[in-house]
Amino acid sequence: MMYTVLAAAAPMLFSLASATPVGPLDIWTPTITNPTAATVWTVGQTVEVTWATDDAPENVSNGGEVVLGKGTNFLYNVIVDHFDLKAANGAITVTVPEVEAGDDYFVVLFGDSGNASDKFTIQA
């Protein structure tokens, strides 16, 4: 009887084991260093979004994306899509999109994890 139960459960146990990741996933949440609360961007200006790389894992799992948020709207405007987060070496150049002036903007750096900058100002 015990053999029958084990034999019946073996395929299910094997499928669970094969779905387990082979190694640990590298989750990296780099600190955004620019923009800061003192930053003022102007629409159309070319600026740099920067982040700390001193704690970067050897293997970064995903590509990067920079998203502009406003107020409580987390996904306001994608300003850079699909770049190599590790190869960028902590900086990416962006053009400030055509948006209304405000002092409650922030950028979110996606890749292995999403994290937001301090709120900053964009002027027309």
Protein backbone atom coordinates (compact mmCIF):
# COMPACT_ATOMS: atom_id res chain seq x y z
CA MET A 1 0.00 0.00 0.00
CA MET A 2 2.79 2.46 0.93
CA TYR A 3 4.56 1.68 -2.37
CA THR A 4 1.38 2.47 -4.31
CA VAL A 5 0.98 5.86 -2.60
CA LEU A 6 4.63 6.78 -3.23
CA ALA A 7 4.45 5.61 -6.84
CA ALA A 8 1.33 7.71 -7.42
CA ALA A 9 2.86 10.79 -5.77
CA ALA A 10 6.25 10.57 -7.52
CA PRO A 11 5.25 12.37 -10.76
CA MET A 12 3.73 15.24 -8.79
CA LEU A 13 6.81 15.55 -6.56
CA PHE A 14 9.09 15.46 -9.60
CA SER A 15 7.13 18.24 -11.34
CA LEU A 16 7.32 20.41 -8.20
CA ALA A 17 11.06 19.85 -7.93
CA SER A 18 11.66 20.67 -11.59
CA ALA A 19 9.75 23.97 -11.25
CA THR A 20 12.12 25.15 -8.51
CA PRO A 21 14.74 27.68 -9.71
CA VAL A 22 18.23 26.26 -10.13
CA GLY A 23 20.01 29.09 -8.30
CA PRO A 24 19.11 32.12 -6.22
CA LEU A 25 17.60 35.08 -8.04
CA ASP A 26 19.58 38.33 -7.84
CA ILE A 27 17.22 41.05 -6.72
CA TRP A 28 18.85 44.47 -6.87
CA THR A 29 17.22 47.70 -5.73
CA PRO A 30 19.79 50.40 -6.52
CA THR A 31 19.44 53.74 -4.78
CA ILE A 32 18.49 56.53 -7.22
CA THR A 33 21.02 59.35 -6.76
CA ASN A 34 19.57 61.76 -9.33
CA PRO A 35 17.02 63.31 -9.46
CA THR A 36 16.85 64.48 -5.84
CA ALA A 37 14.38 66.72 -4.01
CA ALA A 38 16.49 69.75 -5.10
CA THR A 39 16.39 68.80 -8.81
CA VAL A 40 14.63 71.01 -11.37
CA TRP A 41 14.19 69.69 -14.91
CA THR A 42 12.93 71.69 -17.89
CA VAL A 43 10.72 70.16 -20.60
CA GLY A 44 12.87 69.19 -23.62
CA GLN A 45 16.11 69.26 -21.61
CA THR A 46 18.53 66.31 -21.74
CA VAL A 47 19.24 65.08 -18.21
CA GLU A 48 20.77 62.10 -16.48
CA VAL A 49 19.04 59.66 -14.17
CA THR A 50 21.69 58.06 -11.94
CA TRP A 51 21.78 55.28 -9.38
CA ALA A 52 24.34 53.72 -7.05
CA THR A 53 26.09 50.61 -8.38
CA ASP A 54 28.35 49.72 -5.45
CA ASP A 55 26.02 46.93 -4.34
CA ALA A 56 25.19 45.52 -7.79
CA PRO A 57 25.06 41.72 -7.96
CA GLU A 58 27.21 39.87 -10.46
CA ASN A 59 24.16 38.90 -12.53
CA VAL A 60 21.35 41.38 -12.98
CA SER A 61 18.22 39.49 -14.01
CA ASN A 62 16.28 42.02 -16.06
CA GLY A 63 16.69 44.95 -18.40
CA GLY A 64 15.99 48.47 -17.24
CA GLU A 65 13.22 50.98 -17.69
CA VAL A 66 12.85 54.55 -16.38
CA VAL A 67 9.31 55.73 -15.74
CA LEU A 68 8.23 59.25 -14.82
CA GLY A 69 5.58 59.43 -12.12
CA LYS A 70 3.54 62.40 -10.87
CA GLY A 71 1.71 62.82 -7.59
CA THR A 72 0.33 59.39 -6.78
CA ASN A 73 0.28 58.23 -10.42
CA PHE A 74 2.99 55.59 -10.42
CA LEU A 75 3.03 54.86 -14.17
CA TYR A 76 2.76 58.28 -15.73
CA ASN A 77 5.17 58.24 -18.66
CA VAL A 78 7.83 55.71 -19.78
CA ILE A 79 10.88 57.83 -20.65
CA VAL A 80 13.45 55.08 -21.32
CA ASP A 81 12.51 51.54 -22.18
CA HIS A 82 14.60 48.36 -22.51
CA PHE A 83 18.19 49.15 -21.61
CA ASP A 84 20.83 46.97 -19.97
CA LEU A 85 20.67 47.97 -16.32
CA LYS A 86 24.14 46.67 -15.45
CA ALA A 87 25.88 47.90 -18.63
CA ALA A 88 24.50 51.41 -18.07
CA ASN A 89 26.95 51.70 -15.14
CA GLY A 90 24.59 53.72 -12.98
CA ALA A 91 23.47 56.38 -15.45
CA ILE A 92 21.14 56.85 -18.38
CA THR A 93 20.50 60.02 -20.39
CA VAL A 94 16.86 60.96 -20.93
CA THR A 95 14.97 63.80 -22.56
CA VAL A 96 12.41 65.43 -20.28
CA PRO A 97 9.02 64.76 -21.90
CA GLU A 98 6.36 67.34 -22.70
CA VAL A 99 4.46 67.41 -19.40
CA GLU A 100 2.72 70.07 -17.32
CA ALA A 101 4.83 71.95 -14.78
CA GLY A 102 4.77 70.57 -11.26
CA ASP A 103 6.79 69.88 -8.14
CA ASP A 104 5.54 66.36 -7.47
CA TYR A 105 7.35 64.34 -10.14
CA PHE A 106 9.49 61.28 -9.43
CA VAL A 107 11.26 58.64 -11.49
CA VAL A 108 11.01 54.91 -10.96
CA LEU A 109 13.87 52.67 -12.00
CA PHE A 110 12.63 49.24 -12.98
CA GLY A 111 14.79 46.21 -13.56
CA ASP A 112 15.10 43.57 -10.93
CA SER A 113 13.04 45.71 -8.59
CA GLY A 114 11.22 49.02 -8.83
CA ASN A 115 12.28 51.94 -6.71
CA ALA A 116 11.39 55.62 -6.77
CA SER A 117 13.40 58.82 -6.50
CA ASP A 118 12.58 61.74 -4.28
CA LYS A 119 9.90 64.05 -5.67
CA PHE A 120 11.34 66.88 -7.80
CA THR A 121 10.23 69.73 -10.07
CA ILE A 122 9.67 69.91 -13.81
CA GLN A 123 9.16 73.34 -15.35
CA ALA A 124 7.82 74.23 -18.78
